[in-house]
Amino acid sequence: MSAQILLIEDDARLAGMVRDYLGGSGLAVTVAGTGAEGLSRLAGGRFDAVILDLMLPDMDGLEVCRRLRAGSQMSLQVPVLMLTAKGDPMDRVVGLELGADDYLPKPFEPRELVARVETLLRRARGPRPRRLSVGGLVLVRETRRVTLAGATIELTTAEFELLQALMEGRGRVLSREALLDRLGGLDRDVHDRSVDMLISRLRKKLGDDSRSPRWIKTIRGTGYQLVASDPSAEA
């Protein structure tokens, strides 16, 4: 079955081009011309990824992303690629903070859009079944489920990927650049802020304190390290 992509874009010409290009790669595309229509379609059907324009006639893409991530577990997990014609890096930082997984500025090469969507889909499907466990924090790749002391922690796709990278590299210091490469696609001019925003969100969901970290330690000038005691991993 083809992956189902929801494109929220009010430019009919661009929407048609994107639909044709993704369709040629075997992806099924549903188009919504407004933010409200996009949210309605998300509530009424299952989609594997969302391509979201930042500029929409009824609400901006940041608000759509915020509402999407405040919805059900299904909408929390769906990867979001945001399209933007704006040059302000803060729009990208805010979008990431609200739960976007990747950005692509307009104008863009259609082949790059296809490549980025396929990358998000691969990550959302997850690698082979495997369970990582570190001091009561458990990540199951197959189901993309994270629990802490038995309680489910709801993470976006980007947060899940970041936590997985930290757990896989437990005990090692991972640079911001390495974490950005794991997430993929974010503009280099905002990469430090982007990773830092994600770490801040992840710490909040884990109940962590940056001043006295139980889970994620900041290594000044370098990056981050998972520091939980008694680490273990199960294949």
Protein backbone atom coordinates (compact mmCIF):
# COMPACT_ATOMS: atom_id res chain seq x y z
CA MET A 1 0.00 0.00 0.00
CA SER A 2 1.30 3.47 -0.92
CA ALA A 3 2.30 5.83 1.86
CA GLN A 4 -0.42 8.44 2.42
CA ILE A 5 0.81 12.05 2.37
CA LEU A 6 -1.28 15.05 3.40
CA LEU A 7 -0.22 18.27 1.65
CA ILE A 8 -1.58 21.45 3.28
CA GLU A 9 -0.94 24.11 0.62
CA ASP A 10 -3.14 26.87 -0.79
CA ASP A 11 -1.16 27.39 -4.01
CA ALA A 12 -3.01 25.12 -6.46
CA ARG A 13 -0.21 25.16 -9.01
CA LEU A 14 2.45 24.16 -6.46
CA ALA A 15 0.12 21.58 -4.92
CA GLY A 16 -0.41 19.99 -8.33
CA MET A 17 3.34 19.85 -8.99
CA VAL A 18 4.04 18.29 -5.60
CA ARG A 19 1.24 15.74 -6.05
CA ASP A 20 2.56 14.73 -9.47
CA TYR A 21 6.15 14.41 -8.28
CA LEU A 22 5.33 12.43 -5.16
CA GLY A 23 2.84 10.34 -7.09
CA GLY A 24 5.59 9.46 -9.56
CA SER A 25 7.55 8.08 -6.61
CA GLY A 26 4.65 5.86 -5.53
CA LEU A 27 3.26 8.14 -2.81
CA ALA A 28 -0.45 8.97 -2.56
CA VAL A 29 -1.11 12.67 -1.93
CA THR A 30 -4.23 14.30 -0.50
CA VAL A 31 -4.35 18.10 -0.82
CA ALA A 32 -5.95 20.50 1.68
CA GLY A 33 -6.11 24.18 0.72
CA THR A 34 -6.45 25.62 4.24
CA GLY A 35 -5.19 24.89 7.71
CA ALA A 36 -8.69 24.06 8.93
CA GLU A 37 -9.25 21.59 6.10
CA GLY A 38 -5.88 19.98 6.78
CA LEU A 39 -6.66 19.51 10.48
CA SER A 40 -10.08 18.10 9.58
CA ARG A 41 -8.55 15.56 7.19
CA LEU A 42 -5.98 14.57 9.80
CA ALA A 43 -8.75 13.96 12.32
CA GLY A 44 -10.71 11.86 9.83
CA GLY A 45 -8.01 9.67 8.31
CA ARG A 46 -4.60 8.13 8.74
CA PHE A 47 -1.62 9.77 7.08
CA ASP A 48 2.04 8.71 7.08
CA ALA A 49 3.46 12.24 6.73
CA VAL A 50 2.33 15.86 6.42
CA ILE A 51 3.78 18.54 4.15
CA LEU A 52 2.72 21.86 5.63
CA ASP A 53 3.02 25.33 4.07
CA LEU A 54 3.93 28.07 6.53
CA MET A 55 1.72 30.66 4.82
CA LEU A 56 -1.98 29.69 4.62
CA PRO A 57 -5.08 31.85 4.07
CA ASP A 58 -6.87 31.07 7.34
CA MET A 59 -4.02 30.41 9.82
CA ASP A 60 -0.26 30.10 9.58
CA GLY A 61 1.52 26.78 9.46
CA LEU A 62 2.94 27.26 12.94
CA GLU A 63 -0.59 27.31 14.39
CA VAL A 64 -1.55 24.25 12.35
CA CYS A 65 1.52 22.44 13.67
CA ARG A 66 0.73 23.46 17.25
CA ARG A 67 -2.85 22.14 16.97
CA LEU A 68 -1.71 18.97 15.26
CA ARG A 69 0.78 18.16 18.02
CA ALA A 70 -1.83 18.91 20.68
CA GLY A 71 -4.15 16.29 19.17
CA SER A 72 -4.24 12.51 19.37
CA GLN A 73 -1.34 10.09 19.75
CA MET A 74 -1.58 9.40 16.01
CA SER A 75 -1.18 13.07 15.08
CA LEU A 76 1.64 13.43 17.61
CA GLN A 77 3.66 10.76 15.81
CA VAL A 78 3.08 11.74 12.17
CA PRO A 79 6.21 13.43 10.73
CA VAL A 80 5.80 17.01 9.52
CA LEU A 81 7.82 18.70 6.77
CA MET A 82 7.23 22.44 6.74
CA LEU A 83 7.52 24.52 3.55
CA THR A 84 8.44 28.17 3.98
CA ALA A 85 9.19 31.16 1.78
CA LYS A 86 10.23 33.21 4.80
CA GLY A 87 13.88 33.95 5.40
CA ASP A 88 13.65 34.52 9.16
CA PRO A 89 15.52 31.68 10.96
CA MET A 90 13.28 32.20 14.01
CA ASP A 91 10.30 30.84 12.06
CA ARG A 92 12.25 27.63 11.62
CA VAL A 93 13.27 27.49 15.27
CA VAL A 94 9.68 28.09 16.43
CA GLY A 95 8.39 25.49 13.98
CA LEU A 96 10.82 22.93 15.35
CA GLU A 97 9.85 23.82 18.90
CA LEU A 98 6.19 23.25 18.01
CA GLY A 99 6.94 19.82 16.58
CA ALA A 100 7.96 20.13 12.92
CA ASP A 101 10.51 17.48 11.90
CA ASP A 102 12.10 19.17 8.90
CA TYR A 103 12.09 22.37 6.85
CA LEU A 104 12.37 23.02 3.12
CA PRO A 105 12.55 26.65 1.93
CA LYS A 106 10.83 27.75 -1.27
CA PRO A 107 11.72 27.58 -4.08
CA PHE A 108 12.89 23.97 -3.84
CA GLU A 109 13.92 21.20 -6.18
CA PRO A 110 11.13 18.60 -6.43
CA ARG A 111 13.69 15.79 -6.18
CA GLU A 112 14.89 17.19 -2.86
CA LEU A 113 11.31 17.27 -1.56
CA VAL A 114 10.83 13.62 -2.56
CA ALA A 115 14.12 12.66 -0.88
CA ARG A 116 13.23 14.43 2.36
CA VAL A 117 9.73 12.93 2.51
CA GLU A 118 11.13 9.45 1.91
CA THR A 119 13.69 10.01 4.68
CA LEU A 120 10.94 11.01 7.12
CA LEU A 121 8.89 7.97 6.14
CA ARG A 122 11.82 5.61 6.69
CA ARG A 123 12.44 7.06 10.12
CA ALA A 124 8.77 6.94 11.07
CA ARG A 125 8.57 3.26 10.11
CA GLY A 126 11.59 2.61 12.28
CA PRO A 127 14.44 0.11 11.91
CA ARG A 128 14.37 -3.57 12.83
CA PRO A 129 12.65 -4.49 16.12
CA ARG A 130 14.85 -3.58 19.06
CA ARG A 131 14.46 -2.47 22.63
CA LEU A 132 16.81 0.00 24.31
CA SER A 133 16.70 0.34 28.09
CA VAL A 134 18.61 2.80 30.24
CA GLY A 135 17.89 3.12 33.96
CA GLY A 136 14.09 2.72 33.71
CA LEU A 137 13.81 4.57 30.40
CA VAL A 138 12.72 2.17 27.65
CA LEU A 139 12.56 2.81 23.91
CA VAL A 140 11.02 0.23 21.58
CA ARG A 141 11.98 0.86 17.97
CA GLU A 142 9.40 -1.43 16.40
CA THR A 143 6.42 0.35 17.97
CA ARG A 144 8.21 3.71 18.43
CA ARG A 145 7.07 3.66 22.06
CA VAL A 146 8.93 5.24 24.95
CA THR A 147 8.18 4.59 28.62
CA LEU A 148 9.71 5.92 31.82
CA ALA A 149 9.16 3.81 34.92
CA GLY A 150 6.31 2.11 33.05
CA ALA A 151 4.53 5.33 32.04
CA THR A 152 4.26 6.19 28.33
CA ILE A 153 6.11 9.32 27.20
CA GLU A 154 4.57 10.89 24.11
CA LEU A 155 7.26 12.12 21.72
CA THR A 156 7.24 13.66 18.27
CA THR A 157 9.22 11.95 15.51
CA ALA A 158 12.16 14.35 15.93
CA GLU A 159 12.18 13.91 19.72
CA PHE A 160 12.08 10.12 19.30
CA GLU A 161 15.01 10.19 16.87
CA LEU A 162 17.02 12.43 19.20
CA LEU A 163 16.38 10.22 22.23
CA GLN A 164 17.20 7.10 20.22
CA ALA A 165 20.53 8.62 19.14
CA LEU A 166 21.38 9.52 22.74
CA MET A 167 20.42 6.06 24.02
CA GLU A 168 22.39 4.31 21.29
CA GLY A 169 25.41 6.47 22.14
CA ARG A 170 24.92 6.28 25.92
CA GLY A 171 28.09 7.26 27.76
CA ARG A 172 29.47 9.08 24.72
CA VAL A 173 29.30 12.82 24.08
CA LEU A 174 27.33 13.51 20.89
CA SER A 175 27.98 16.82 19.16
CA ARG A 176 25.15 19.04 17.97
CA GLU A 177 26.33 18.41 14.41
CA ALA A 178 26.08 14.64 14.89
CA LEU A 179 22.60 14.97 16.37
CA LEU A 180 21.55 17.27 13.53
CA ASP A 181 22.79 14.73 10.98
CA ARG A 182 20.67 12.11 12.73
CA LEU A 183 17.61 14.32 12.48
CA GLY A 184 18.48 15.34 8.93
CA GLY A 185 17.64 18.29 6.75
CA LEU A 186 17.54 21.29 9.08
CA ASP A 187 19.32 24.41 7.90
CA ARG A 188 22.89 24.73 9.12
CA ASP A 189 22.49 28.41 10.06
CA VAL A 190 20.12 27.49 12.88
CA HIS A 191 21.39 24.04 13.82
CA ASP A 192 22.64 24.91 17.33
CA ARG A 193 19.31 26.44 18.35
CA SER A 194 17.37 23.65 16.66
CA VAL A 195 19.08 20.86 18.59
CA ASP A 196 18.98 22.87 21.82
CA MET A 197 15.22 23.41 21.44
CA LEU A 198 14.67 19.68 20.96
CA ILE A 199 16.83 18.85 23.98
CA SER A 200 14.84 21.33 26.07
CA ARG A 201 11.55 19.73 25.00
CA LEU A 202 12.89 16.23 25.63
CA ARG A 203 14.14 17.16 29.09
CA LYS A 204 10.74 18.59 29.98
CA LYS A 205 8.95 15.41 28.95
CA LEU A 206 11.43 13.27 30.88
CA GLY A 207 11.13 15.48 33.97
CA ASP A 208 14.83 16.23 33.76
CA ASP A 209 16.67 19.24 35.21
CA SER A 210 19.55 20.69 33.19
CA ARG A 211 21.19 22.00 36.39
CA SER A 212 21.25 18.55 37.97
CA PRO A 213 20.57 16.13 35.10
CA ARG A 214 19.47 12.58 35.63
CA TRP A 215 19.24 11.84 31.92
CA ILE A 216 20.77 14.40 29.57
CA LYS A 217 23.94 16.30 30.43
CA THR A 218 25.12 19.36 28.52
CA ILE A 219 28.81 19.24 27.64
CA ARG A 220 29.61 22.91 27.20
CA GLY A 221 30.94 23.78 23.77
CA THR A 222 30.54 20.21 22.53
CA GLY A 223 27.09 18.66 22.75
CA TYR A 224 25.07 16.29 24.91
CA GLN A 225 25.46 12.99 26.72
CA LEU A 226 23.00 10.46 28.15
CA VAL A 227 24.18 10.02 31.72
CA ALA A 228 21.70 7.64 33.38
CA SER A 229 23.27 5.00 35.57
CA ASP A 230 23.09 1.24 35.02
CA PRO A 231 22.63 1.39 31.27
CA SER A 232 21.64 -1.73 29.33
CA ALA A 233 20.43 -2.52 25.85
CA GLU A 234 18.51 -5.51 24.60
CA ALA A 235 18.46 -6.65 20.98
